[in-house]
Amino acid sequence: MTMKIPQGALIVVADGGSARVFSNVGTQASLALKQEALLEGMNLDDEGPSGSMPSESSASQLDEATFAKQLAKGLNDGALKNKYEHLVLIADAKTLGRVRPLLHKETQQRLIGDLAKDLTNAPLETIQSTLS
């Protein structure tokens, strides 16, 4: 994946149950990620997934869909409040497929790239080299 990631860009690495949030503290030419937050164990009890889910969905599938909805909501809130200018989203294919349609137009305009890959538990160096 070769893309120019500007300094200050938000990089979100997610799977169906957690997300690591980074910012590029390097330059566009020399990527250097700093972890800003770890989102996991969100309260999924009071919310359900967005859209319709098959009735035979398991509890873990419902939790993953609900997490994707909450992640998209957080990204949308950040975009609408101008908390970031550029966004890169990395997630496993299923999570990425659930998050994409929930992204607000403002969030989509800030999305400079996405990658369907599960790097949530990968070391920082692996994430950086994947983006470089």
Protein backbone atom coordinates (compact mmCIF):
# COMPACT_ATOMS: atom_id res chain seq x y z
CA MET A 1 0.00 0.00 0.00
CA THR A 2 1.66 3.19 -1.08
CA MET A 3 -0.06 6.37 -0.10
CA LYS A 4 1.18 9.67 1.20
CA ILE A 5 -0.03 10.01 4.79
CA PRO A 6 0.20 13.63 5.96
CA GLN A 7 1.56 14.58 9.36
CA GLY A 8 -1.24 14.55 11.94
CA ALA A 9 -3.35 12.03 9.99
CA LEU A 10 -5.51 9.68 12.05
CA ILE A 11 -4.83 5.98 11.43
CA VAL A 12 -7.40 3.55 12.82
CA VAL A 13 -6.54 -0.16 12.92
CA ALA A 14 -9.63 -2.19 13.82
CA ASP A 15 -11.17 -5.63 13.97
CA GLY A 16 -14.60 -6.77 15.10
CA GLY A 17 -14.02 -5.98 18.77
CA SER A 18 -11.25 -3.43 19.20
CA ALA A 19 -9.44 -0.59 17.51
CA ARG A 20 -6.05 1.03 17.91
CA VAL A 21 -5.92 4.72 17.08
CA PHE A 22 -2.67 6.25 15.89
CA SER A 23 -1.53 9.59 14.57
CA ASN A 24 1.31 10.23 12.16
CA VAL A 25 3.85 12.22 14.17
CA GLY A 26 6.37 11.91 11.35
CA THR A 27 6.27 13.59 8.00
CA GLN A 28 4.53 12.66 4.80
CA ALA A 29 7.86 11.30 3.53
CA SER A 30 8.78 9.50 6.77
CA LEU A 31 5.86 7.87 8.55
CA ALA A 32 6.08 7.61 12.35
CA LEU A 33 3.02 6.37 14.20
CA LYS A 34 2.15 7.19 17.79
CA GLN A 35 -0.65 5.26 19.48
CA GLU A 36 -3.26 7.67 20.82
CA ALA A 37 -5.95 5.30 22.08
CA LEU A 38 -7.07 1.71 22.39
CA LEU A 39 -10.80 1.17 21.97
CA GLU A 40 -12.03 -2.15 23.28
CA GLY A 41 -14.70 -3.55 25.51
CA MET A 42 -17.19 -0.84 24.61
CA ASN A 43 -20.55 -1.28 26.27
CA LEU A 44 -22.47 -3.25 23.67
CA ASP A 45 -25.39 -4.16 25.93
CA ASP A 46 -27.53 -1.09 25.32
CA GLU A 47 -27.06 -0.94 21.58
CA GLY A 48 -27.58 -3.18 18.63
CA PRO A 49 -26.07 -3.25 15.18
CA SER A 50 -27.04 -0.84 12.45
CA GLY A 51 -29.32 -2.14 9.72
CA SER A 52 -30.76 -5.62 9.63
CA MET A 53 -28.99 -8.72 10.83
CA PRO A 54 -30.03 -12.28 9.98
CA SER A 55 -32.04 -13.86 12.80
CA GLU A 56 -29.53 -16.71 13.02
CA SER A 57 -26.68 -14.27 13.85
CA SER A 58 -24.57 -15.33 16.82
CA ALA A 59 -23.93 -13.10 19.83
CA SER A 60 -20.37 -12.48 18.64
CA GLN A 61 -21.60 -11.47 15.17
CA LEU A 62 -24.04 -9.02 16.75
CA ASP A 63 -21.27 -7.63 18.98
CA GLU A 64 -18.96 -7.19 15.97
CA ALA A 65 -21.66 -5.36 14.00
CA THR A 66 -22.45 -3.17 17.00
CA PHE A 67 -18.76 -2.37 17.50
CA ALA A 68 -18.47 -1.42 13.81
CA LYS A 69 -21.45 0.91 14.23
CA GLN A 70 -19.91 2.53 17.32
CA LEU A 71 -16.54 2.89 15.58
CA ALA A 72 -18.17 4.58 12.57
CA LYS A 73 -20.11 6.88 14.91
CA GLY A 74 -16.88 7.89 16.65
CA LEU A 75 -15.14 8.57 13.33
CA ASN A 76 -18.14 10.58 12.12
CA ASP A 77 -18.24 12.62 15.34
CA GLY A 78 -14.52 13.36 15.02
CA ALA A 79 -14.89 14.48 11.39
CA LEU A 80 -17.90 16.67 12.12
CA LYS A 81 -16.06 18.30 15.04
CA ASN A 82 -12.89 18.79 12.96
CA LYS A 83 -10.79 16.60 15.27
CA TYR A 84 -8.84 15.21 12.31
CA GLU A 85 -8.21 16.27 8.75
CA HIS A 86 -7.06 12.98 7.19
CA LEU A 87 -8.07 9.40 7.98
CA VAL A 88 -6.65 6.00 7.09
CA LEU A 89 -8.77 2.99 8.04
CA ILE A 90 -7.30 -0.51 8.31
CA ALA A 91 -9.59 -3.36 9.29
CA ASP A 92 -10.35 -6.95 8.49
CA ALA A 93 -12.59 -7.24 5.44
CA LYS A 94 -15.77 -7.96 7.42
CA THR A 95 -15.33 -4.99 9.78
CA LEU A 96 -14.32 -2.68 6.94
CA GLY A 97 -17.42 -3.77 5.03
CA ARG A 98 -19.59 -2.94 8.05
CA VAL A 99 -17.97 0.43 8.78
CA ARG A 100 -17.75 1.88 5.24
CA PRO A 101 -21.50 2.32 4.59
CA LEU A 102 -21.93 4.00 7.98
CA LEU A 103 -19.37 6.73 7.32
CA HIS A 104 -20.78 10.25 7.02
CA LYS A 105 -20.01 12.19 3.84
CA GLU A 106 -17.68 14.45 5.82
CA THR A 107 -15.79 11.38 7.11
CA GLN A 108 -15.58 9.91 3.60
CA GLN A 109 -14.04 13.15 2.31
CA ARG A 110 -11.29 12.87 4.94
CA LEU A 111 -10.63 9.18 4.19
CA ILE A 112 -7.41 9.11 2.19
CA GLY A 113 -7.24 5.33 2.09
CA ASP A 114 -8.42 2.08 3.56
CA LEU A 115 -6.97 -1.40 3.65
CA ALA A 116 -8.73 -4.72 4.24
CA LYS A 117 -6.18 -6.37 6.51
CA ASP A 118 -6.26 -7.51 10.14
CA LEU A 119 -3.37 -5.72 11.83
CA THR A 120 -5.01 -5.06 15.21
CA ASN A 121 -2.56 -7.26 17.11
CA ALA A 122 0.42 -6.52 14.86
CA PRO A 123 3.47 -4.72 16.23
CA LEU A 124 3.78 -1.01 15.49
CA GLU A 125 6.66 -1.67 13.07
CA THR A 126 4.48 -4.01 10.98
CA ILE A 127 1.70 -1.43 10.74
CA GLN A 128 4.18 1.30 9.76
CA SER A 129 5.87 -0.86 7.12
CA THR A 130 2.47 -1.87 5.68
CA LEU A 131 1.60 1.82 5.25
CA SER A 132 5.03 2.85 3.92
